[in-house]
């Protein structure tokens, strides 16, 4: 017998609230849940609105607001500039220039002029004196640079100081190269002058100075551009940084690339100011200079014998004179290549005349050292030929004839880029480059000063060069 199940009564619940119509469903919401829903929607709306306002502000500020003027706060900018200048100056090497007795500077100019009849005696106003032009007058330009107010030395790698106690380095502004030629070229009864006496007196003066004695001259800079300058006293000044044209007269314990700086000769012909061109240079190879030299310069006579009968080659014997310089200017400015053989020492001024003429140098000097090689790749601006190869008949000329006009133009363009490095009166030329290289010696100078304080001195009959000295390696022809 089937029994009907007993109906189960549902649990008691409060009466239902009126439902809110919904397009998707008909859900029943309590008053609390309804209020929570409204609050959540309000928060979301406010957040979106805030983000929108921020985005609009950023957009307008970025693209439509004018930039803040650089001089909006002059006082702040002036202070910032002063701080920047102080930091920049403090990072530069500080150089003090000695106020040498007159006989080592302007007195030498006077002696040179008196030996030629230009003056009868010393002058009261040194500004009336003009330093005579010659190939080692770099000493005048370096002296003049440090004689100017610091405000005019814009771009210099070193800063001049007037207090020796602040100095990193000390410059000795002796006109050592001019001193060598005071009596050269003067009349037979020339005014008596002794370069050797000048050298001795200078060193005696230096050895009395506190700052020379302090480090035995290691933090001093002396210019000796002529290879024969200061030779008599070289052993007494060899600790200093020497500014030299080459090491041809120096022993390995007196001068080296590590300690010293190679500087360019002062060019004696006019700078070529035109653009690189080949079509207006009809001479293949040009040289004008002294045919007969000593030591390594004997190569010149051999090259004369080989080259003087070649077509489109101009090779002349000539000496330093106004007429010779005029002819050399014309010749170099109209030649593709300029021959640069060794002189009495490995270097000669013809190289630097060629560079400022955009006449591609052909260097025949196996032991030559060159200025500013840390920034100049000379293979891009010059042709190097070993002496043994250059003296083979036909080799040099056939090599140069094989160089295409386009390749010559490449050489000239590179020469144009580096011309300023070899011009002493250029505002960012040779003088600044010399000081840049001198300043790079300071860490080594400090090492040597501190080593001297602790090392036991050792006597040796042989020169000691514990690091790189001069160029002792061979040379490879660059073409």
Protein backbone atom coordinates (compact mmCIF):
# COMPACT_ATOMS: atom_id res chain seq x y z
CA UNK A 1 0.00 0.00 0.00
CA UNK A 2 1.48 3.19 -1.17
CA UNK A 3 1.84 6.00 1.29
CA UNK A 4 2.16 9.57 0.26
CA UNK A 5 5.25 11.20 1.73
CA UNK A 6 4.63 13.66 4.39
CA UNK A 7 5.30 17.15 3.23
CA UNK A 8 8.28 18.84 4.92
CA UNK A 9 7.69 22.37 5.99
CA UNK A 10 10.30 24.90 4.81
CA UNK A 11 12.22 26.79 7.48
CA UNK A 12 10.78 30.04 8.64
CA UNK A 13 12.16 33.11 6.87
CA UNK A 14 11.34 36.79 6.86
CA UNK A 15 8.92 38.00 4.27
CA UNK A 16 10.58 38.78 0.93
CA UNK A 17 11.54 42.36 0.05
CA UNK A 18 10.30 43.91 -3.16
CA UNK A 19 12.59 42.81 -5.98
CA UNK A 20 14.53 45.24 -8.24
CA UNK A 21 13.98 44.57 -11.91
CA UNK A 22 17.13 43.50 -13.84
CA UNK A 23 17.46 42.98 -17.60
CA UNK A 24 19.60 39.87 -17.13
CA UNK A 25 18.19 38.36 -14.00
CA UNK A 26 15.88 39.02 -11.19
CA UNK A 27 18.12 38.88 -8.14
CA UNK A 28 16.94 39.86 -4.79
CA UNK A 29 19.20 42.50 -3.09
CA UNK A 30 19.14 43.48 0.54
CA UNK A 31 19.39 47.16 1.54
CA UNK A 32 22.98 46.57 2.83
CA UNK A 33 24.15 44.95 -0.39
CA UNK A 34 22.50 47.70 -2.40
CA UNK A 35 24.36 50.38 -0.47
CA UNK A 36 27.68 48.52 -0.88
CA UNK A 37 27.14 48.31 -4.62
CA UNK A 38 26.48 52.04 -4.88
CA UNK A 39 29.60 52.82 -2.77
CA UNK A 40 31.84 50.61 -4.98
CA UNK A 41 30.59 52.27 -8.15
CA UNK A 42 31.23 55.69 -6.66
CA UNK A 43 34.83 54.78 -5.70
CA UNK A 44 35.56 53.42 -9.17
CA UNK A 45 34.17 56.57 -10.76
CA UNK A 46 36.27 58.81 -8.53
CA UNK A 47 39.48 56.83 -9.24
CA UNK A 48 38.92 56.94 -13.00
CA UNK A 49 38.17 60.65 -12.83
CA UNK A 50 41.35 61.35 -10.80
CA UNK A 51 43.52 59.37 -13.23
CA UNK A 52 41.99 61.22 -16.15
CA UNK A 53 42.70 64.60 -14.57
CA UNK A 54 46.32 63.60 -13.89
CA UNK A 55 46.77 62.39 -17.47
CA UNK A 56 45.39 65.64 -18.88
CA UNK A 57 47.66 67.67 -16.59
CA UNK A 58 50.76 65.71 -17.61
CA UNK A 59 49.93 66.05 -21.31
CA UNK A 60 49.35 69.80 -21.10
CA UNK A 61 52.45 70.34 -18.94
CA UNK A 62 54.67 68.38 -21.32
CA UNK A 63 53.57 69.72 -24.67
CA UNK A 64 52.07 73.14 -24.04
CA UNK A 65 53.90 74.67 -21.06
CA UNK A 66 56.95 76.85 -21.93
CA UNK A 67 60.34 75.60 -20.67
CA UNK A 68 61.77 77.17 -17.56
CA UNK A 69 64.16 79.94 -18.55
CA UNK A 70 67.85 79.26 -17.93
CA UNK A 71 68.18 82.59 -16.19
CA UNK A 72 65.00 82.31 -14.15
CA UNK A 73 67.13 82.50 -11.03
CA UNK A 74 70.27 84.50 -11.86
CA UNK A 75 71.68 84.17 -8.37
CA UNK A 76 71.34 80.38 -8.41
CA UNK A 77 72.82 80.11 -11.89
CA UNK A 78 75.77 82.34 -10.99
CA UNK A 79 76.49 80.23 -7.92
CA UNK A 80 76.25 77.03 -9.96
CA UNK A 81 78.62 78.45 -12.58
CA UNK A 82 81.11 79.48 -9.92
CA UNK A 83 81.02 76.02 -8.36
CA UNK A 84 81.45 74.45 -11.78
CA UNK A 85 84.43 76.68 -12.54
CA UNK A 86 86.02 75.86 -9.20
CA UNK A 87 85.61 72.12 -9.77
CA UNK A 88 86.95 72.42 -13.36
CA UNK A 89 89.97 74.46 -12.30
CA UNK A 90 90.74 72.17 -9.38
CA UNK A 91 90.87 69.21 -11.75
CA UNK A 92 93.54 70.89 -13.91
CA UNK A 93 97.25 70.58 -13.27
CA UNK A 94 98.55 73.73 -11.57
CA UNK A 95 101.69 75.29 -13.06
CA UNK A 96 103.86 77.96 -11.50
CA UNK A 97 106.22 79.90 -13.80
CA UNK A 98 109.41 81.15 -12.22
CA UNK A 99 110.14 84.84 -12.47
CA UNK A 100 113.66 84.21 -13.73
CA UNK A 101 116.36 86.88 -13.65
CA UNK A 102 116.14 88.93 -16.81
CA UNK A 103 119.39 87.57 -18.27
CA UNK A 104 117.72 84.19 -18.87
CA UNK A 105 114.74 85.55 -20.80
CA UNK A 106 114.53 89.07 -22.23
CA UNK A 107 118.24 89.52 -21.66
CA UNK A 108 118.93 86.82 -24.26
CA UNK A 109 116.74 88.67 -26.78
CA UNK A 110 118.76 91.81 -26.05
CA UNK A 111 122.03 89.96 -26.52
CA UNK A 112 120.82 88.52 -29.83
CA UNK A 113 119.87 91.99 -31.08
CA UNK A 114 123.10 93.61 -29.87
CA UNK A 115 125.17 90.94 -31.61
CA UNK A 116 123.54 92.04 -34.88
CA UNK A 117 123.76 95.75 -34.27
CA UNK A 118 120.07 96.19 -33.56
CA UNK A 119 120.62 97.46 -30.01
CA UNK A 120 123.50 99.23 -28.34
CA UNK A 121 122.51 98.14 -24.85
CA UNK A 122 119.70 96.87 -22.61
CA UNK A 123 116.31 98.55 -22.91
CA UNK A 124 114.18 99.84 -20.06
CA UNK A 125 110.90 98.56 -21.48
CA UNK A 126 110.99 94.84 -22.36
CA UNK A 127 107.76 95.21 -24.35
CA UNK A 128 109.92 96.90 -27.00
CA UNK A 129 111.82 93.66 -27.53
CA UNK A 130 110.72 91.27 -30.25
CA UNK A 131 111.66 87.62 -30.07
CA UNK A 132 113.43 86.80 -33.38
CA UNK A 133 111.79 84.19 -35.57
CA UNK A 134 113.55 80.83 -35.86
CA UNK A 135 112.66 77.15 -35.97
CA UNK A 136 112.82 76.62 -32.19
CA UNK A 137 110.77 79.63 -31.13
CA UNK A 138 108.25 77.36 -29.43
CA UNK A 139 109.97 78.47 -26.21
CA UNK A 140 108.64 81.98 -26.79
CA UNK A 141 105.06 80.82 -27.34
CA UNK A 142 105.03 78.65 -24.20
CA UNK A 143 106.47 81.53 -22.17
CA UNK A 144 103.93 83.96 -23.66
CA UNK A 145 101.08 81.61 -22.85
CA UNK A 146 101.86 81.59 -19.13
CA UNK A 147 102.54 85.34 -19.19
CA UNK A 148 98.94 86.08 -20.17
CA UNK A 149 96.15 86.63 -17.62
CA UNK A 150 94.44 83.37 -16.74
CA UNK A 151 91.16 84.73 -18.14
CA UNK A 152 92.75 84.77 -21.61
CA UNK A 153 94.00 81.18 -21.42
CA UNK A 154 90.66 79.68 -22.40
CA UNK A 155 90.87 75.97 -23.21
CA UNK A 156 94.31 75.42 -21.68
CA UNK A 157 94.79 71.99 -20.07
CA UNK A 158 96.70 73.58 -17.19
CA UNK A 159 95.97 76.45 -14.86
CA UNK A 160 98.58 79.05 -13.93
CA UNK A 161 99.06 79.75 -10.23
CA UNK A 162 100.95 82.61 -8.61
CA UNK A 163 101.60 80.82 -5.32
CA UNK A 164 104.33 78.17 -5.71
CA UNK A 165 102.92 76.37 -2.69
CA UNK A 166 99.84 75.49 -4.74
CA UNK A 167 101.73 74.26 -7.80
CA UNK A 168 101.91 70.72 -9.12
CA UNK A 169 104.61 71.66 -11.65
CA UNK A 170 107.16 74.45 -12.05
CA UNK A 171 108.04 75.92 -15.45
CA UNK A 172 111.53 77.32 -16.05
CA UNK A 173 111.08 79.79 -18.95
CA UNK A 174 114.70 80.05 -20.15
CA UNK A 175 115.22 80.89 -23.85
CA UNK A 176 117.74 78.08 -24.22
CA UNK A 177 117.45 77.64 -28.01
CA UNK A 178 117.80 81.36 -28.78
CA UNK A 179 120.83 81.48 -26.50
CA UNK A 180 122.59 78.98 -28.76
CA UNK A 181 122.42 81.27 -31.81
CA UNK A 182 123.13 84.65 -30.23
CA UNK A 183 126.55 84.83 -31.88
CA UNK A 184 125.61 82.85 -35.01
CA UNK A 185 125.32 85.04 -38.11
CA UNK A 186 126.46 88.20 -36.37
CA UNK A 187 129.38 90.41 -37.48
CA UNK A 188 132.95 89.29 -36.87
CA UNK A 189 133.36 91.64 -33.94
CA UNK A 190 130.11 90.49 -32.37
CA UNK A 191 129.16 91.37 -28.83
CA UNK A 192 130.66 88.74 -26.56
CA UNK A 193 128.14 86.25 -25.25
CA UNK A 194 128.59 82.73 -23.84
CA UNK A 195 125.76 80.23 -24.01
CA UNK A 196 127.68 77.82 -21.80
CA UNK A 197 128.04 80.46 -19.08
CA UNK A 198 124.31 81.13 -19.30
CA UNK A 199 123.58 77.42 -18.77
CA UNK A 200 125.88 77.21 -15.72
CA UNK A 201 124.43 80.35 -14.16
CA UNK A 202 120.85 79.13 -14.70
CA UNK A 203 121.48 75.82 -12.94
CA UNK A 204 123.28 77.53 -10.09
CA UNK A 205 120.22 79.75 -9.66
CA UNK A 206 117.84 76.78 -9.80
CA UNK A 207 119.80 74.78 -7.25
CA UNK A 208 119.29 77.60 -4.77
CA UNK A 209 115.50 77.46 -5.12
CA UNK A 210 113.49 75.74 -2.40
CA UNK A 211 111.14 73.96 -4.76
CA UNK A 212 113.92 72.64 -7.00
CA UNK A 213 115.79 71.24 -4.00
CA UNK A 214 112.62 69.73 -2.55
CA UNK A 215 112.30 67.04 -5.24
CA UNK A 216 115.63 67.40 -7.03
CA UNK A 217 113.87 69.09 -9.99
CA UNK A 218 111.56 66.19 -10.87
CA UNK A 219 108.44 68.38 -10.86
CA UNK A 220 110.06 71.05 -13.05
CA UNK A 221 109.57 71.62 -16.78
CA UNK A 222 112.40 72.95 -18.96
CA UNK A 223 112.17 73.60 -22.69
CA UNK A 224 115.22 72.67 -24.76
CA UNK A 225 113.87 72.62 -28.29
CA UNK A 226 117.17 72.77 -30.15
CA UNK A 227 118.91 69.37 -29.88
CA UNK A 228 122.01 71.18 -28.56
CA UNK A 229 120.19 73.32 -25.99
CA UNK A 230 121.27 72.90 -22.33
CA UNK A 231 123.66 70.06 -23.20
CA UNK A 232 126.47 71.36 -20.99
CA UNK A 233 124.32 71.03 -17.85
CA UNK A 234 122.04 68.19 -18.95
CA UNK A 235 123.21 65.83 -16.21
CA UNK A 236 122.19 68.41 -13.61
CA UNK A 237 118.68 68.97 -15.02
CA UNK A 238 117.89 65.51 -16.43
CA UNK A 239 115.33 64.78 -13.69
CA UNK A 240 113.08 67.55 -15.01
CA UNK A 241 110.45 67.09 -17.72
CA UNK A 242 112.29 68.17 -20.86
CA UNK A 243 110.47 69.62 -23.86
CA UNK A 244 112.64 68.47 -26.77
CA UNK A 245 112.43 68.11 -30.54
CA UNK A 246 114.11 64.69 -30.44
CA UNK A 247 116.52 62.59 -28.38
CA UNK A 248 119.38 62.66 -30.89
CA UNK A 249 121.84 64.34 -28.51
CA UNK A 250 120.64 62.78 -25.24
CA UNK A 251 121.74 59.59 -23.53
CA UNK A 252 119.04 57.14 -22.48
CA UNK A 253 119.47 58.15 -18.84
CA UNK A 254 118.94 61.83 -19.74
CA UNK A 255 115.83 61.77 -21.91
CA UNK A 256 113.05 59.36 -22.81
CA UNK A 257 109.48 59.19 -24.05
CA UNK A 258 108.40 58.16 -20.56
CA UNK A 259 109.59 61.29 -18.78
CA UNK A 260 109.79 63.94 -21.48
CA UNK A 261 107.64 65.51 -24.21
CA UNK A 262 108.49 65.72 -27.91
CA UNK A 263 107.48 69.11 -29.30
CA UNK A 264 107.22 70.30 -32.93
CA UNK A 265 109.59 72.71 -34.58
CA UNK A 266 108.06 76.09 -35.35
CA UNK A 267 107.24 76.02 -39.05
CA UNK A 268 109.06 78.66 -41.07
CA UNK A 269 106.90 78.88 -44.18
CA UNK A 270 103.37 80.13 -44.70
CA UNK A 271 100.48 77.82 -43.86
CA UNK A 272 98.51 76.54 -46.85
CA UNK A 273 94.95 77.73 -46.33
CA UNK A 274 93.28 76.21 -49.40
CA UNK A 275 91.32 72.99 -49.66
CA UNK A 276 92.93 69.63 -50.40
CA UNK A 277 93.68 69.40 -54.14
CA UNK A 278 95.99 67.45 -56.42
CA UNK A 279 95.41 69.11 -59.79
CA UNK A 280 97.29 72.28 -58.76
CA UNK A 281 100.32 70.36 -57.47
CA UNK A 282 102.43 69.52 -60.49
CA UNK A 283 105.66 68.55 -58.73
CA UNK A 284 105.84 64.96 -57.52
CA UNK A 285 108.51 65.42 -54.82
CA UNK A 286 110.07 68.55 -53.33
CA UNK A 287 113.00 69.21 -51.00
CA UNK A 288 114.92 72.35 -50.22
CA UNK A 289 117.50 72.38 -47.46
CA UNK A 290 121.09 71.85 -46.50
CA UNK A 291 122.55 69.03 -48.57
CA UNK A 292 125.46 68.31 -46.26
CA UNK A 293 124.75 67.32 -42.68
CA UNK A 294 126.55 65.31 -40.03
CA UNK A 295 125.76 61.90 -38.55
CA UNK A 296 122.32 60.63 -39.65
CA UNK A 297 121.97 63.60 -42.00
CA UNK A 298 124.54 62.10 -44.37
CA UNK A 299 121.55 60.40 -46.03
CA UNK A 300 120.76 63.76 -47.65
CA UNK A 301 123.77 63.72 -49.95
CA UNK A 302 122.93 60.16 -51.07
CA UNK A 303 119.34 61.16 -51.84
CA UNK A 304 120.52 64.22 -53.79
CA UNK A 305 122.64 61.98 -56.01
CA UNK A 306 119.71 59.64 -56.66
CA UNK A 307 116.91 62.18 -57.15
CA UNK A 308 118.34 65.32 -58.71
CA UNK A 309 118.01 64.01 -62.29
CA UNK A 310 114.45 62.67 -61.92
CA UNK A 311 111.58 64.33 -63.78
CA UNK A 312 108.98 66.29 -61.77
CA UNK A 313 111.30 66.20 -58.75
CA UNK A 314 112.69 69.41 -57.26
CA UNK A 315 115.58 68.93 -54.86
CA UNK A 316 117.70 71.99 -54.02
CA UNK A 317 120.44 72.95 -51.64
CA UNK A 318 119.35 75.91 -49.55
CA UNK A 319 119.92 77.57 -46.17
CA UNK A 320 117.73 79.53 -43.80
CA UNK A 321 117.04 82.92 -45.38
CA UNK A 322 114.05 85.01 -46.36
CA UNK A 323 114.55 84.17 -50.03
CA UNK A 324 114.89 80.46 -49.29
CA UNK A 325 111.70 80.47 -47.22
CA UNK A 326 109.82 82.20 -50.02
CA UNK A 327 111.02 79.60 -52.54
CA UNK A 328 110.27 76.75 -50.13
CA UNK A 329 106.73 78.03 -49.59
CA UNK A 330 106.08 78.09 -53.32
CA UNK A 331 107.62 74.66 -53.80
CA UNK A 332 105.79 72.93 -50.96
CA UNK A 333 102.43 74.46 -51.84
CA UNK A 334 102.70 73.11 -55.39
CA UNK A 335 104.06 69.61 -54.67
CA UNK A 336 102.32 66.35 -53.88
CA UNK A 337 105.08 64.95 -51.64
CA UNK A 338 107.79 66.63 -49.58
CA UNK A 339 110.99 64.78 -48.69
CA UNK A 340 111.96 64.81 -45.01
CA UNK A 341 115.32 63.12 -44.44
CA UNK A 342 117.13 63.18 -41.11
CA UNK A 343 119.28 66.18 -40.28
CA UNK A 344 122.13 66.26 -37.78
CA UNK A 345 119.60 64.56 -35.48
CA UNK A 346 116.60 62.41 -36.47
CA UNK A 347 114.16 65.33 -36.77
CA UNK A 348 114.19 68.48 -38.88
CA UNK A 349 111.93 71.49 -39.35
CA UNK A 350 111.08 70.51 -42.98
CA UNK A 351 108.62 67.93 -41.67
CA UNK A 352 106.49 70.59 -39.99
CA UNK A 353 106.75 72.93 -42.95
CA UNK A 354 105.37 70.09 -45.09
CA UNK A 355 102.50 69.38 -42.70
CA UNK A 356 101.19 72.96 -42.71
CA UNK A 357 101.60 72.98 -46.52
CA UNK A 358 99.41 69.88 -46.99
CA UNK A 359 102.40 68.41 -48.82
CA UNK A 360 102.47 64.71 -47.88
CA UNK A 361 105.68 64.14 -45.87
CA UNK A 362 107.99 61.35 -47.02
CA UNK A 363 109.98 60.57 -43.87
CA UNK A 364 113.39 58.94 -44.30
CA UNK A 365 114.65 58.89 -40.71
CA UNK A 366 114.68 55.53 -38.96
CA UNK A 367 115.05 56.84 -35.39
CA UNK A 368 112.64 59.77 -35.52
CA UNK A 369 110.28 60.52 -32.63
CA UNK A 370 107.17 62.56 -33.36
CA UNK A 371 105.01 64.97 -31.35
CA UNK A 372 101.58 64.09 -29.97
CA UNK A 373 101.57 60.47 -31.13
CA UNK A 374 98.96 59.63 -28.50
CA UNK A 375 96.38 61.48 -30.63
CA UNK A 376 97.91 61.48 -34.13
CA UNK A 377 98.37 58.38 -36.28
CA UNK A 378 101.20 59.52 -38.55
CA UNK A 379 100.59 56.69 -41.00
CA UNK A 380 97.49 58.61 -42.08
CA UNK A 381 99.40 61.79 -42.89
CA UNK A 382 102.89 60.66 -43.95
CA UNK A 383 104.81 58.03 -45.91
CA UNK A 384 107.61 56.28 -44.01
CA UNK A 385 110.49 54.76 -45.95
CA UNK A 386 113.44 52.95 -44.43
CA UNK A 387 116.80 54.50 -45.16
CA UNK A 388 118.11 51.29 -46.71
CA UNK A 389 115.15 51.20 -49.13
CA UNK A 390 115.16 54.92 -49.93
CA UNK A 391 118.80 54.80 -51.08
CA UNK A 392 118.13 52.10 -53.67
CA UNK A 393 118.03 53.80 -57.09
CA UNK A 394 114.50 54.02 -58.44
CA UNK A 395 112.76 52.64 -55.35
CA UNK A 396 111.52 55.89 -53.80
CA UNK A 397 110.30 57.49 -57.03
CA UNK A 398 108.55 54.35 -58.31
CA UNK A 399 106.84 53.99 -54.94
CA UNK A 400 105.52 57.56 -54.99
CA UNK A 401 104.43 57.42 -58.64
CA UNK A 402 102.23 54.45 -57.76
CA UNK A 403 100.18 56.47 -55.27
CA UNK A 404 96.83 57.41 -56.83
CA UNK A 405 95.42 60.97 -56.78
CA UNK A 406 92.57 59.76 -54.56
CA UNK A 407 95.05 58.39 -52.04
CA UNK A 408 96.95 61.68 -52.04
CA UNK A 409 93.68 63.51 -51.34
CA UNK A 410 93.09 61.21 -48.37
CA UNK A 411 96.51 62.14 -46.99
CA UNK A 412 95.76 65.83 -47.50
CA UNK A 413 92.39 65.63 -45.76
CA UNK A 414 94.03 64.00 -42.75
CA UNK A 415 96.76 66.65 -42.78
CA UNK A 416 94.12 69.37 -42.78
CA UNK A 417 92.54 67.83 -39.67
CA UNK A 418 95.77 67.96 -37.68
CA UNK A 419 97.30 71.20 -38.96
CA UNK A 420 96.44 73.07 -35.76
CA UNK A 421 98.58 70.74 -33.64
CA UNK A 422 101.69 72.16 -35.32
CA UNK A 423 100.81 75.87 -35.29
CA UNK A 424 102.11 77.63 -32.19
CA UNK A 425 99.99 80.76 -32.49
CA UNK A 426 96.75 78.81 -33.04
CA UNK A 427 94.34 79.37 -30.08
CA UNK A 428 94.01 75.61 -29.68
CA UNK A 429 97.26 74.57 -31.28
CA UNK A 430 100.73 73.38 -30.34
CA UNK A 431 100.97 75.17 -26.97
CA UNK A 432 97.80 73.59 -25.59
CA UNK A 433 98.89 70.19 -26.88
CA UNK A 434 102.26 70.53 -25.19
CA UNK A 435 100.61 71.38 -21.86
CA UNK A 436 98.19 68.48 -22.31
CA UNK A 437 101.08 66.04 -22.66
CA UNK A 438 102.99 67.65 -19.79
CA UNK A 439 99.97 67.32 -17.51
CA UNK A 440 99.80 63.60 -18.31
CA UNK A 441 103.28 63.18 -16.82
CA UNK A 442 102.16 64.23 -13.34
CA UNK A 443 101.22 60.73 -12.03
CA UNK A 444 104.63 59.39 -13.10
CA UNK A 445 106.36 62.40 -11.53
CA UNK A 446 104.63 61.69 -8.22
CA UNK A 447 105.68 58.04 -8.41
CA UNK A 448 109.30 58.98 -9.05
CA UNK A 449 109.31 61.54 -6.23
CA UNK A 450 108.00 59.00 -3.74
CA UNK A 451 110.36 56.28 -5.00
CA UNK A 452 113.30 58.62 -4.56
CA UNK A 453 112.38 59.01 -0.91
CA UNK A 454 112.69 55.30 -0.19
CA UNK A 455 115.12 53.81 -2.72
CA UNK A 456 118.74 53.11 -1.93
CA UNK A 457 120.91 54.74 -4.55
CA UNK A 458 122.89 52.28 -6.61
CA UNK A 459 126.05 53.19 -8.46
CA UNK A 460 126.28 51.80 -12.00
CA UNK A 461 128.69 52.33 -14.85
CA UNK A 462 125.91 51.70 -17.37
CA UNK A 463 122.86 53.93 -17.98
CA UNK A 464 119.71 52.44 -16.45
CA UNK A 465 116.40 52.78 -18.24
CA UNK A 466 113.85 50.70 -16.38
CA UNK A 467 111.05 51.54 -18.78
CA UNK A 468 110.50 52.66 -22.38
CA UNK A 469 113.25 55.03 -23.50
CA UNK A 470 113.73 56.04 -27.11
CA UNK A 471 112.85 54.33 -30.34
CA UNK A 472 115.23 51.37 -30.60
CA UNK A 473 113.07 49.29 -32.94
CA UNK A 474 113.15 49.03 -36.69
CA UNK A 475 110.98 50.91 -39.16
CA UNK A 476 108.66 49.42 -41.74
CA UNK A 477 108.02 51.22 -45.02
CA UNK A 478 104.38 52.33 -44.84
CA UNK A 479 103.47 51.94 -48.51
